[in-house]
Amino acid sequence: MNNRRLLSLTLTLVVVLAVGCAKAPQEDVNSAQAEIDRARQAQADVWAPNEFQAADQAISAAQAEIAAQDQKWMKNYDKAKELLAKAKEEGAKAAEAAAANKEQARKDAEAGIAEADTAIQAAEAALKVAPVTKDSKADLALFKSDLEGLRSTLDGARQAFSAEDYKKALESTASVQEKAASITAQLEEAKAKRMAARKR
């Protein structure tokens, strides 16, 4: 009986020492951090901010848990390992989402530039055939100046596109399209009014 008790106490002591001497899961930390670094390189903070934030929060929680366990005599890193696995998964998701979102933004910006250019060309064409009268001369000069400004904005959008700032490029082209379309509409309206007046 004494031998059994001694064996039981010895086994218990071995388990306690094993748990007490548990080491922080450094390999898991490195693996999770590598995925988050990959997401950061993919500019996930810009192109997939929600996914990147989830990964960042998970690894921060894991690091906090590891630090808490490091202070204990009876260490248990199971929860930290779970959090690190989540951080690794979220980091991979963020990298993939960033790549997909950036590519979509590139396509949208490219299409936006083409559409803005077409809108300016339409406005310029309408301006060329607009009748110049004493009353319309000032307005036409203003439209011409506005279109020159829109061309400059479109050039800026192209530069932003080249710098992979697709969000800025898309915002600029949307503004250009709206203003150019407005100029075309005003010119067409003036043309229609003039034709109606002639028929009277």
N, C-alpha and C. Protein backbone atom coordinates (compact mmCIF):
# COMPACT_ATOMS: atom_id res chain seq x y z
N MET A 1 0.83 -1.20 0.00
CA MET A 1 0.00 0.00 0.00
C MET A 1 0.86 1.24 0.00
N ASN A 2 1.89 1.22 0.82
CA ASN A 2 2.80 2.37 0.88
C ASN A 2 3.49 2.58 -0.45
N ASN A 3 3.85 1.46 -1.11
CA ASN A 3 4.50 1.56 -2.41
C ASN A 3 3.57 2.19 -3.45
N ARG A 4 2.28 1.80 -3.35
CA ARG A 4 1.30 2.38 -4.29
C ARG A 4 1.14 3.87 -4.06
N ARG A 5 1.09 4.23 -2.78
CA ARG A 5 0.97 5.66 -2.47
C ARG A 5 2.17 6.43 -2.94
N LEU A 6 3.33 5.87 -2.74
CA LEU A 6 4.57 6.50 -3.16
C LEU A 6 4.62 6.66 -4.68
N LEU A 7 4.18 5.60 -5.37
CA LEU A 7 4.15 5.66 -6.84
C LEU A 7 3.17 6.71 -7.32
N SER A 8 2.01 6.77 -6.65
CA SER A 8 0.98 7.75 -7.02
C SER A 8 1.47 9.18 -6.80
N LEU A 9 2.13 9.38 -5.65
CA LEU A 9 2.68 10.71 -5.34
C LEU A 9 3.77 11.09 -6.34
N THR A 10 4.59 10.12 -6.69
CA THR A 10 5.67 10.36 -7.66
C THR A 10 5.11 10.77 -9.01
N LEU A 11 4.08 10.03 -9.46
CA LEU A 11 3.45 10.35 -10.76
C LEU A 11 2.81 11.73 -10.73
N THR A 12 2.15 12.02 -9.62
CA THR A 12 1.52 13.35 -9.48
C THR A 12 2.56 14.45 -9.54
N LEU A 13 3.69 14.23 -8.86
CA LEU A 13 4.78 15.22 -8.85
C LEU A 13 5.36 15.40 -10.24
N VAL A 14 5.49 14.31 -10.99
CA VAL A 14 6.03 14.37 -12.35
C VAL A 14 5.10 15.19 -13.25
N VAL A 15 3.78 14.94 -13.11
CA VAL A 15 2.78 15.68 -13.90
C VAL A 15 2.82 17.15 -13.55
N VAL A 16 2.87 17.45 -12.26
CA VAL A 16 2.91 18.85 -11.80
C VAL A 16 4.15 19.55 -12.34
N LEU A 17 5.29 18.86 -12.24
CA LEU A 17 6.54 19.45 -12.75
C LEU A 17 6.48 19.65 -14.27
N ALA A 18 5.87 18.68 -14.95
CA ALA A 18 5.77 18.78 -16.41
C ALA A 18 4.92 19.97 -16.80
N VAL A 19 3.80 20.14 -16.10
CA VAL A 19 2.92 21.28 -16.39
C VAL A 19 3.60 22.58 -15.99
N GLY A 20 4.22 22.56 -14.83
CA GLY A 20 4.90 23.76 -14.33
C GLY A 20 6.04 24.19 -15.23
N CYS A 21 6.67 23.23 -15.90
CA CYS A 21 7.80 23.54 -16.77
C CYS A 21 7.39 23.70 -18.23
N ALA A 22 6.06 23.74 -18.50
CA ALA A 22 5.58 23.89 -19.87
C ALA A 22 6.17 25.15 -20.49
N LYS A 23 6.55 25.04 -21.75
CA LYS A 23 7.18 26.16 -22.44
C LYS A 23 6.18 26.88 -23.34
N ALA A 24 6.39 28.16 -23.50
CA ALA A 24 5.54 28.95 -24.39
C ALA A 24 5.63 28.39 -25.81
N PRO A 25 4.52 28.36 -26.54
CA PRO A 25 4.51 27.77 -27.89
C PRO A 25 5.13 28.70 -28.94
N GLN A 26 6.45 28.80 -28.89
CA GLN A 26 7.14 29.76 -29.76
C GLN A 26 6.96 29.46 -31.25
N GLU A 27 6.94 28.18 -31.58
CA GLU A 27 6.74 27.82 -32.99
C GLU A 27 5.38 28.30 -33.49
N ASP A 28 4.37 28.16 -32.63
CA ASP A 28 3.02 28.62 -32.99
C ASP A 28 3.00 30.14 -33.13
N VAL A 29 3.73 30.81 -32.25
CA VAL A 29 3.83 32.28 -32.31
C VAL A 29 4.46 32.69 -33.64
N ASN A 30 5.56 32.05 -33.98
CA ASN A 30 6.28 32.37 -35.23
C ASN A 30 5.41 32.12 -36.46
N SER A 31 4.67 31.02 -36.43
CA SER A 31 3.80 30.66 -37.55
C SER A 31 2.67 31.67 -37.74
N ALA A 32 2.05 32.05 -36.63
CA ALA A 32 0.96 33.03 -36.68
C ALA A 32 1.49 34.39 -37.12
N GLN A 33 2.64 34.77 -36.58
CA GLN A 33 3.22 36.07 -36.93
C GLN A 33 3.60 36.13 -38.40
N ALA A 34 4.05 35.01 -38.95
CA ALA A 34 4.42 34.96 -40.37
C ALA A 34 3.22 35.24 -41.26
N GLU A 35 2.05 34.69 -40.88
CA GLU A 35 0.83 34.93 -41.67
C GLU A 35 0.38 36.39 -41.56
N ILE A 36 0.53 36.95 -40.37
CA ILE A 36 0.13 38.35 -40.18
C ILE A 36 1.08 39.28 -40.94
N ASP A 37 2.36 38.93 -40.95
CA ASP A 37 3.33 39.71 -41.73
C ASP A 37 3.02 39.64 -43.22
N ARG A 38 2.59 38.46 -43.66
CA ARG A 38 2.22 38.29 -45.07
C ARG A 38 1.01 39.16 -45.41
N ALA A 39 0.07 39.21 -44.47
CA ALA A 39 -1.13 40.05 -44.66
C ALA A 39 -0.75 41.53 -44.70
N ARG A 40 0.20 41.89 -43.83
CA ARG A 40 0.64 43.29 -43.78
C ARG A 40 1.34 43.68 -45.10
N GLN A 41 2.15 42.77 -45.63
CA GLN A 41 2.83 43.02 -46.91
C GLN A 41 1.83 43.15 -48.06
N ALA A 42 0.69 42.46 -47.92
CA ALA A 42 -0.37 42.54 -48.93
C ALA A 42 -1.24 43.78 -48.72
N GLN A 43 -0.85 44.64 -47.76
CA GLN A 43 -1.58 45.86 -47.42
C GLN A 43 -3.01 45.55 -46.98
N ALA A 44 -3.13 44.49 -46.19
CA ALA A 44 -4.45 44.10 -45.69
C ALA A 44 -5.08 45.17 -44.80
N ASP A 45 -4.24 45.98 -44.15
CA ASP A 45 -4.78 47.05 -43.32
C ASP A 45 -5.54 48.08 -44.17
N VAL A 46 -5.20 48.15 -45.46
CA VAL A 46 -5.86 49.07 -46.40
C VAL A 46 -6.98 48.36 -47.16
N TRP A 47 -6.68 47.16 -47.69
CA TRP A 47 -7.59 46.49 -48.60
C TRP A 47 -8.51 45.47 -47.93
N ALA A 48 -8.19 45.05 -46.72
CA ALA A 48 -9.06 44.13 -45.98
C ALA A 48 -8.95 44.46 -44.49
N PRO A 49 -9.35 45.69 -44.11
CA PRO A 49 -9.14 46.15 -42.73
C PRO A 49 -9.84 45.32 -41.66
N ASN A 50 -11.05 44.82 -41.95
CA ASN A 50 -11.77 44.03 -40.95
C ASN A 50 -11.08 42.70 -40.67
N GLU A 51 -10.66 42.04 -41.75
CA GLU A 51 -9.96 40.76 -41.60
C GLU A 51 -8.61 40.96 -40.90
N PHE A 52 -7.93 42.04 -41.27
CA PHE A 52 -6.62 42.30 -40.67
C PHE A 52 -6.76 42.61 -39.18
N GLN A 53 -7.79 43.36 -38.84
CA GLN A 53 -8.02 43.70 -37.43
C GLN A 53 -8.32 42.44 -36.61
N ALA A 54 -9.08 41.51 -37.19
CA ALA A 54 -9.39 40.25 -36.49
C ALA A 54 -8.11 39.46 -36.22
N ALA A 55 -7.20 39.41 -37.19
CA ALA A 55 -5.93 38.70 -37.02
C ALA A 55 -5.06 39.38 -35.97
N ASP A 56 -5.02 40.70 -36.03
CA ASP A 56 -4.21 41.48 -35.09
C ASP A 56 -4.71 41.32 -33.66
N GLN A 57 -6.03 41.33 -33.52
CA GLN A 57 -6.62 41.16 -32.18
C GLN A 57 -6.36 39.77 -31.63
N ALA A 58 -6.41 38.77 -32.51
CA ALA A 58 -6.19 37.39 -32.06
C ALA A 58 -4.76 37.18 -31.58
N ILE A 59 -3.78 37.72 -32.31
CA ILE A 59 -2.39 37.51 -31.89
C ILE A 59 -2.08 38.35 -30.64
N SER A 60 -2.71 39.50 -30.51
CA SER A 60 -2.53 40.32 -29.30
C SER A 60 -3.08 39.60 -28.09
N ALA A 61 -4.25 38.96 -28.26
CA ALA A 61 -4.85 38.19 -27.17
C ALA A 61 -3.98 36.99 -26.81
N ALA A 62 -3.40 36.35 -27.82
CA ALA A 62 -2.52 35.20 -27.59
C ALA A 62 -1.27 35.62 -26.82
N GLN A 63 -0.71 36.75 -27.21
CA GLN A 63 0.50 37.26 -26.53
C GLN A 63 0.19 37.63 -25.08
N ALA A 64 -0.98 38.19 -24.86
CA ALA A 64 -1.39 38.54 -23.50
C ALA A 64 -1.58 37.28 -22.65
N GLU A 65 -2.14 36.26 -23.27
CA GLU A 65 -2.35 34.98 -22.57
C GLU A 65 -1.01 34.32 -22.25
N ILE A 66 -0.08 34.36 -23.18
CA ILE A 66 1.26 33.79 -22.94
C ILE A 66 1.95 34.53 -21.80
N ALA A 67 1.85 35.85 -21.82
CA ALA A 67 2.47 36.65 -20.76
C ALA A 67 1.86 36.32 -19.40
N ALA A 68 0.54 36.10 -19.38
CA ALA A 68 -0.15 35.75 -18.12
C ALA A 68 0.31 34.38 -17.62
N GLN A 69 0.43 33.42 -18.53
CA GLN A 69 0.87 32.08 -18.14
C GLN A 69 2.33 32.07 -17.69
N ASP A 70 3.15 32.93 -18.31
CA ASP A 70 4.57 33.00 -17.95
C ASP A 70 4.75 33.38 -16.47
N GLN A 71 3.76 34.11 -15.94
CA GLN A 71 3.85 34.56 -14.54
C GLN A 71 3.41 33.48 -13.54
N LYS A 72 2.79 32.43 -14.07
CA LYS A 72 2.26 31.39 -13.18
C LYS A 72 3.27 30.27 -12.96
N TRP A 73 3.12 29.60 -11.82
CA TRP A 73 3.98 28.45 -11.55
C TRP A 73 3.45 27.24 -12.33
N MET A 74 2.09 27.10 -12.33
CA MET A 74 1.44 26.03 -13.09
C MET A 74 1.02 26.61 -14.44
N LYS A 75 1.86 26.46 -15.44
CA LYS A 75 1.62 27.07 -16.75
C LYS A 75 0.77 26.16 -17.63
N ASN A 76 -0.14 26.78 -18.39
CA ASN A 76 -0.96 26.05 -19.35
C ASN A 76 -1.17 26.96 -20.57
N TYR A 77 -0.57 26.56 -21.69
CA TYR A 77 -0.63 27.40 -22.89
C TYR A 77 -1.67 26.94 -23.92
N ASP A 78 -2.60 26.10 -23.48
CA ASP A 78 -3.61 25.59 -24.41
C ASP A 78 -4.44 26.71 -25.04
N LYS A 79 -4.90 27.64 -24.19
CA LYS A 79 -5.71 28.76 -24.69
C LYS A 79 -4.90 29.62 -25.64
N ALA A 80 -3.63 29.83 -25.29
CA ALA A 80 -2.74 30.63 -26.15
C ALA A 80 -2.58 29.97 -27.51
N LYS A 81 -2.46 28.65 -27.51
CA LYS A 81 -2.32 27.91 -28.78
C LYS A 81 -3.57 28.06 -29.65
N GLU A 82 -4.74 28.03 -29.00
CA GLU A 82 -6.00 28.22 -29.73
C GLU A 82 -6.05 29.61 -30.36
N LEU A 83 -5.65 30.60 -29.58
CA LEU A 83 -5.66 31.98 -30.08
C LEU A 83 -4.65 32.17 -31.21
N LEU A 84 -3.52 31.51 -31.09
CA LEU A 84 -2.49 31.60 -32.15
C LEU A 84 -2.96 30.92 -33.43
N ALA A 85 -3.67 29.81 -33.27
CA ALA A 85 -4.22 29.12 -34.45
C ALA A 85 -5.24 30.03 -35.15
N LYS A 86 -6.05 30.73 -34.32
CA LYS A 86 -7.04 31.66 -34.88
C LYS A 86 -6.34 32.83 -35.57
N ALA A 87 -5.28 33.33 -34.95
CA ALA A 87 -4.52 34.45 -35.54
C ALA A 87 -3.92 34.04 -36.88
N LYS A 88 -3.41 32.84 -36.94
CA LYS A 88 -2.82 32.33 -38.18
C LYS A 88 -3.88 32.23 -39.28
N GLU A 89 -5.04 31.70 -38.90
CA GLU A 89 -6.15 31.55 -39.85
C GLU A 89 -6.64 32.91 -40.34
N GLU A 90 -6.82 33.84 -39.39
CA GLU A 90 -7.30 35.18 -39.74
C GLU A 90 -6.28 35.93 -40.59
N GLY A 91 -4.99 35.71 -40.30
CA GLY A 91 -3.93 36.34 -41.09
C GLY A 91 -3.96 35.88 -42.53
N ALA A 92 -4.16 34.58 -42.71
CA ALA A 92 -4.25 34.02 -44.07
C ALA A 92 -5.47 34.57 -44.80
N LYS A 93 -6.59 34.66 -44.08
CA LYS A 93 -7.81 35.22 -44.67
C LYS A 93 -7.59 36.67 -45.10
N ALA A 94 -6.92 37.43 -44.24
CA ALA A 94 -6.68 38.85 -44.52
C ALA A 94 -5.81 39.03 -45.76
N ALA A 95 -4.79 38.20 -45.89
CA ALA A 95 -3.89 38.29 -47.06
C ALA A 95 -4.66 37.98 -48.34
N GLU A 96 -5.50 36.94 -48.29
CA GLU A 96 -6.28 36.56 -49.47
C GLU A 96 -7.31 37.63 -49.83
N ALA A 97 -8.00 38.14 -48.81
CA ALA A 97 -9.02 39.18 -49.05
C ALA A 97 -8.39 40.45 -49.59
N ALA A 98 -7.22 40.80 -49.07
CA ALA A 98 -6.52 42.02 -49.52
C ALA A 98 -6.16 41.90 -51.00
N ALA A 99 -5.64 40.75 -51.39
CA ALA A 99 -5.25 40.54 -52.79
C ALA A 99 -6.47 40.63 -53.71
N ALA A 100 -7.58 40.00 -53.30
CA ALA A 100 -8.80 40.02 -54.10
C ALA A 100 -9.40 41.42 -54.19
N ASN A 101 -9.46 42.11 -53.04
CA ASN A 101 -10.06 43.45 -53.00
C ASN A 101 -9.22 44.47 -53.78
N LYS A 102 -7.91 44.32 -53.69
CA LYS A 102 -7.03 45.23 -54.41
C LYS A 102 -7.17 45.04 -55.92
N GLU A 103 -7.26 43.79 -56.34
CA GLU A 103 -7.41 43.50 -57.77
C GLU A 103 -8.75 44.05 -58.29
N GLN A 104 -9.80 43.90 -57.49
CA GLN A 104 -11.10 44.43 -57.88
C GLN A 104 -11.06 45.95 -57.97
N ALA A 105 -10.39 46.58 -57.01
CA ALA A 105 -10.25 48.04 -57.02
C ALA A 105 -9.46 48.50 -58.24
N ARG A 106 -8.45 47.72 -58.62
CA ARG A 106 -7.65 48.05 -59.81
C ARG A 106 -8.54 48.03 -61.06
N LYS A 107 -9.35 46.98 -61.18
CA LYS A 107 -10.25 46.86 -62.33
C LYS A 107 -11.27 48.00 -62.35
N ASP A 108 -11.82 48.31 -61.17
CA ASP A 108 -12.82 49.39 -61.08
C ASP A 108 -12.20 50.74 -61.45
N ALA A 109 -10.98 50.98 -60.96
CA ALA A 109 -10.30 52.25 -61.25
C ALA A 109 -9.96 52.36 -62.72
N GLU A 110 -9.53 51.25 -63.32
CA GLU A 110 -9.20 51.22 -64.74
C GLU A 110 -10.43 51.55 -65.58
N ALA A 111 -11.56 50.93 -65.21
CA ALA A 111 -12.82 51.18 -65.92
C ALA A 111 -13.27 52.63 -65.69
N GLY A 112 -13.07 53.12 -64.47
CA GLY A 112 -13.46 54.49 -64.13
C GLY A 112 -12.69 55.52 -64.95
N ILE A 113 -11.41 55.26 -65.14
CA ILE A 113 -10.58 56.18 -65.95
C ILE A 113 -11.07 56.21 -67.39
N ALA A 114 -11.37 55.04 -67.94
CA ALA A 114 -11.87 54.97 -69.32
C ALA A 114 -13.22 55.69 -69.45
N GLU A 115 -14.09 55.48 -68.48
CA GLU A 115 -15.42 56.11 -68.52
C GLU A 115 -15.32 57.63 -68.35
N ALA A 116 -14.42 58.07 -67.47
CA ALA A 116 -14.23 59.51 -67.27
C ALA A 116 -13.69 60.16 -68.53
N ASP A 117 -12.76 59.48 -69.19
CA ASP A 117 -12.18 60.00 -70.43
C ASP A 117 -13.27 60.12 -71.51
N THR A 118 -14.13 59.12 -71.59
CA THR A 118 -15.24 59.14 -72.55
C THR A 118 -16.20 60.29 -72.23
N ALA A 119 -16.47 60.50 -70.95
CA ALA A 119 -17.38 61.57 -70.53
C ALA A 119 -16.82 62.94 -70.89
N ILE A 120 -15.51 63.12 -70.72
CA ILE A 120 -14.87 64.39 -71.08
C ILE A 120 -14.93 64.60 -72.59
N GLN A 121 -14.64 63.53 -73.33
CA GLN A 121 -14.68 63.63 -74.80
C GLN A 121 -16.08 64.03 -75.29
N ALA A 122 -17.11 63.46 -74.66
CA ALA A 122 -18.49 63.78 -75.03
C ALA A 122 -18.79 65.25 -74.75
N ALA A 123 -18.31 65.74 -73.60
CA ALA A 123 -18.52 67.15 -73.25
C ALA A 123 -17.76 68.07 -74.19
N GLU A 124 -16.54 67.68 -74.54
CA GLU A 124 -15.73 68.48 -75.46
C GLU A 124 -16.38 68.54 -76.86
N ALA A 125 -16.94 67.41 -77.28
CA ALA A 125 -17.61 67.35 -78.58
C ALA A 125 -18.84 68.25 -78.58
N ALA A 126 -19.59 68.23 -77.48
CA ALA A 126 -20.78 69.07 -77.37
C ALA A 126 -20.40 70.55 -77.34
N LEU A 127 -19.27 70.84 -76.72
CA LEU A 127 -18.81 72.23 -76.62
C LEU A 127 -18.39 72.76 -78.00
N LYS A 128 -17.78 71.90 -78.80
CA LYS A 128 -17.31 72.32 -80.14
C LYS A 128 -18.44 72.76 -81.05
N VAL A 129 -19.59 72.10 -80.94
CA VAL A 129 -20.73 72.40 -81.82
C VAL A 129 -21.73 73.37 -81.17
N ALA A 130 -21.42 73.79 -79.94
CA ALA A 130 -22.33 74.73 -79.26
C ALA A 130 -22.26 76.09 -79.95
N PRO A 131 -23.41 76.67 -80.26
CA PRO A 131 -23.42 77.98 -80.93
C PRO A 131 -22.92 79.08 -80.00
N VAL A 132 -22.03 79.89 -80.54
CA VAL A 132 -21.47 81.00 -79.75
C VAL A 132 -22.30 82.24 -80.03
N THR A 133 -22.92 82.74 -78.97
CA THR A 133 -23.69 83.97 -79.08
C THR A 133 -23.20 84.95 -78.02
N LYS A 134 -23.73 86.14 -78.09
CA LYS A 134 -23.34 87.15 -77.11
C LYS A 134 -23.71 86.69 -75.69
N ASP A 135 -24.85 85.99 -75.59
CA ASP A 135 -25.32 85.52 -74.28
C ASP A 135 -24.58 84.26 -73.80
N SER A 136 -24.17 83.42 -74.75
CA SER A 136 -23.58 82.14 -74.36
C SER A 136 -22.05 82.16 -74.27
N LYS A 137 -21.44 83.19 -74.78
CA LYS A 137 -19.97 83.23 -74.87
C LYS A 137 -19.29 83.01 -73.53
N ALA A 138 -19.75 83.70 -72.51
CA ALA A 138 -19.13 83.59 -71.17
C ALA A 138 -19.31 82.19 -70.60
N ASP A 139 -20.51 81.62 -70.79
CA ASP A 139 -20.79 80.27 -70.28
C ASP A 139 -19.91 79.23 -70.97
N LEU A 140 -19.76 79.39 -72.28
CA LEU A 140 -18.94 78.43 -73.05
C LEU A 140 -17.47 78.51 -72.63
N ALA A 141 -17.01 79.72 -72.36
CA ALA A 141 -15.62 79.89 -71.90
C ALA A 141 -15.44 79.21 -70.54
N LEU A 142 -16.47 79.32 -69.70
CA LEU A 142 -16.42 78.69 -68.37
C LEU A 142 -16.42 77.16 -68.49
N PHE A 143 -17.25 76.66 -69.41
CA PHE A 143 -17.28 75.21 -69.63
C PHE A 143 -15.92 74.71 -70.13
N LYS A 144 -15.30 75.47 -71.02
CA LYS A 144 -14.00 75.09 -71.55
C LYS A 144 -12.95 75.02 -70.43
N SER A 145 -13.00 76.01 -69.55
CA SER A 145 -12.08 76.05 -68.41
C SER A 145 -12.33 74.87 -67.47
N ASP A 146 -13.61 74.57 -67.25
CA ASP A 146 -13.97 73.44 -66.38
C ASP A 146 -13.46 72.12 -66.95
N LEU A 147 -13.59 71.97 -68.27
CA LEU A 147 -13.14 70.72 -68.91
C LEU A 147 -11.62 70.58 -68.85
N GLU A 148 -10.92 71.69 -68.95
CA GLU A 148 -9.45 71.65 -68.80
C GLU A 148 -9.09 71.19 -67.38
N GLY A 149 -9.86 71.67 -66.42
CA GLY A 149 -9.65 71.25 -65.02
C GLY A 149 -9.94 69.77 -64.84
N LEU A 150 -11.00 69.29 -65.51
CA LEU A 150 -11.34 67.87 -65.42
C LEU A 150 -10.27 66.99 -66.06
N ARG A 151 -9.68 67.48 -67.15
CA ARG A 151 -8.57 66.75 -67.78
C ARG A 151 -7.40 66.63 -66.80
N SER A 152 -7.15 67.72 -66.09
CA SER A 152 -6.06 67.73 -65.10
C SER A 152 -6.36 66.74 -63.96
N THR A 153 -7.62 66.71 -63.52
CA THR A 153 -8.03 65.77 -62.46
C THR A 153 -7.88 64.33 -62.94
N LEU A 154 -8.24 64.11 -64.21
CA LEU A 154 -8.11 62.76 -64.77
C LEU A 154 -6.64 62.35 -64.87
N ASP A 155 -5.77 63.27 -65.20
CA ASP A 155 -4.33 62.98 -65.22
C ASP A 155 -3.85 62.58 -63.82
N GLY A 156 -4.38 63.28 -62.81
CA GLY A 156 -4.05 62.95 -61.42
C GLY A 156 -4.55 61.56 -61.06
N ALA A 157 -5.72 61.19 -61.57
CA ALA A 157 -6.26 59.85 -61.33
C ALA A 157 -5.37 58.79 -61.96
N ARG A 158 -4.87 59.08 -63.15
CA ARG A 158 -3.96 58.14 -63.82
C ARG A 158 -2.67 57.97 -63.01
N GLN A 159 -2.18 59.06 -62.46
CA GLN A 159 -0.96 58.99 -61.64
C GLN A 159 -1.22 58.16 -60.38
N ALA A 160 -2.39 58.38 -59.77
CA ALA A 160 -2.75 57.60 -58.57
C ALA A 160 -2.86 56.12 -58.93
N PHE A 161 -3.41 55.82 -60.10
CA PHE A 161 -3.54 54.44 -60.57
C PHE A 161 -2.16 53.81 -60.73
N SER A 162 -1.23 54.56 -61.32
CA SER A 162 0.14 54.05 -61.50
C SER A 162 0.83 53.79 -60.17
N ALA A 163 0.46 54.58 -59.16
CA ALA A 163 1.03 54.41 -57.81
C ALA A 163 0.25 53.38 -56.99
N GLU A 164 -0.71 52.70 -57.64
CA GLU A 164 -1.55 51.67 -57.00
C GLU A 164 -2.45 52.24 -55.92
N ASP A 165 -2.73 53.54 -56.00
CA ASP A 165 -3.69 54.15 -55.09
C ASP A 165 -5.04 54.14 -55.81
N TYR A 166 -5.62 52.94 -55.90
CA TYR A 166 -6.81 52.75 -56.71
C TYR A 166 -8.04 53.44 -56.12
N LYS A 167 -8.08 53.56 -54.80
CA LYS A 167 -9.21 54.23 -54.16
C LYS A 167 -9.26 55.71 -54.56
N LYS A 168 -8.13 56.36 -54.51
CA LYS A 168 -8.05 57.77 -54.90
C LYS A 168 -8.39 57.93 -56.38
N ALA A 169 -7.87 57.04 -57.21
CA ALA A 169 -8.13 57.10 -58.66
C ALA A 169 -9.62 56.97 -58.93
N LEU A 170 -10.27 56.05 -58.22
CA LEU A 170 -11.70 55.82 -58.44
C LEU A 170 -12.54 57.01 -57.98
N GLU A 171 -12.17 57.58 -56.85
CA GLU A 171 -12.88 58.76 -56.35
C GLU A 171 -12.76 59.92 -57.34
N SER A 172 -11.57 60.13 -57.86
CA SER A 172 -11.33 61.22 -58.82
C SER A 172 -12.11 61.02 -60.10
N THR A 173 -12.11 59.79 -60.61
CA THR A 173 -12.80 59.53 -61.88
C THR A 173 -14.31 59.66 -61.72
N ALA A 174 -14.83 59.29 -60.57
CA ALA A 174 -16.27 59.43 -60.33
C ALA A 174 -16.68 60.89 -60.36
N SER A 175 -15.85 61.74 -59.76
CA SER A 175 -16.10 63.18 -59.76
C SER A 175 -16.03 63.75 -61.18
N VAL A 176 -15.03 63.30 -61.94
CA VAL A 176 -14.86 63.77 -63.32
C VAL A 176 -16.07 63.37 -64.17
N GLN A 177 -16.50 62.13 -64.05
CA GLN A 177 -17.65 61.65 -64.83
C GLN A 177 -18.89 62.48 -64.53
N GLU A 178 -19.14 62.72 -63.27
CA GLU A 178 -20.33 63.47 -62.85
C GLU A 178 -20.33 64.90 -63.42
N LYS A 179 -19.18 65.58 -63.29
CA LYS A 179 -19.09 66.96 -63.75
C LYS A 179 -19.12 67.07 -65.28
N ALA A 180 -18.43 66.14 -65.96
CA ALA A 180 -18.43 66.15 -67.42
C ALA A 180 -19.82 65.87 -67.96
N ALA A 181 -20.52 64.94 -67.34
CA ALA A 181 -21.89 64.61 -67.77
C ALA A 181 -22.81 65.81 -67.55
N SER A 182 -22.58 66.55 -66.48
CA SER A 182 -23.38 67.75 -66.19
C SER A 182 -23.16 68.81 -67.26
N ILE A 183 -21.91 69.00 -67.68
CA ILE A 183 -21.59 69.98 -68.73
C ILE A 183 -22.27 69.58 -70.04
N THR A 184 -22.17 68.29 -70.39
CA THR A 184 -22.81 67.79 -71.62
C THR A 184 -24.32 68.03 -71.57
N ALA A 185 -24.93 67.73 -70.43
CA ALA A 185 -26.38 67.90 -70.28
C ALA A 185 -26.78 69.37 -70.43
N GLN A 186 -26.00 70.27 -69.84
CA GLN A 186 -26.31 71.70 -69.95
C GLN A 186 -26.18 72.20 -71.39
N LEU A 187 -25.14 71.71 -72.08
CA LEU A 187 -24.94 72.10 -73.47
C LEU A 187 -26.06 71.55 -74.37
N GLU A 188 -26.46 70.32 -74.12
CA GLU A 188 -27.54 69.71 -74.90
C GLU A 188 -28.86 70.44 -74.64
N GLU A 189 -29.06 70.82 -73.40
CA GLU A 189 -30.28 71.55 -73.05
C GLU A 189 -30.32 72.91 -73.74
N ALA A 190 -29.17 73.60 -73.75
CA ALA A 190 -29.08 74.91 -74.42
C ALA A 190 -29.31 74.76 -75.92
N LYS A 191 -28.76 73.69 -76.48
CA LYS A 191 -28.93 73.42 -77.91
C LYS A 191 -30.40 73.17 -78.24
N ALA A 192 -31.07 72.39 -77.42
CA ALA A 192 -32.49 72.07 -77.63
C ALA A 192 -33.35 73.33 -77.54
N LYS A 193 -33.02 74.20 -76.59
CA LYS A 193 -33.77 75.44 -76.42
C LYS A 193 -33.60 76.34 -77.64
N ARG A 194 -32.38 76.39 -78.14
CA ARG A 194 -32.10 77.25 -79.30
C ARG A 194 -32.85 76.74 -80.54
N MET A 195 -32.86 75.39 -80.70
CA MET A 195 -33.58 74.82 -81.84
C MET A 195 -35.07 75.05 -81.72
N ALA A 196 -35.59 74.95 -80.52
CA ALA A 196 -37.03 75.19 -80.29
C ALA A 196 -37.38 76.65 -80.59
N ALA A 197 -36.47 77.56 -80.22
CA ALA A 197 -36.71 79.00 -80.46
C ALA A 197 -36.71 79.29 -81.94
N ARG A 198 -35.88 78.59 -82.70
CA ARG A 198 -35.81 78.81 -84.15
C ARG A 198 -37.09 78.39 -84.87
N LYS A 199 -37.71 77.34 -84.30
CA LYS A 199 -38.92 76.80 -84.94
C LYS A 199 -40.14 77.70 -84.74
N ARG A 200 -40.03 78.59 -83.80
CA ARG A 200 -41.18 79.48 -83.54
C ARG A 200 -41.35 80.52 -84.63
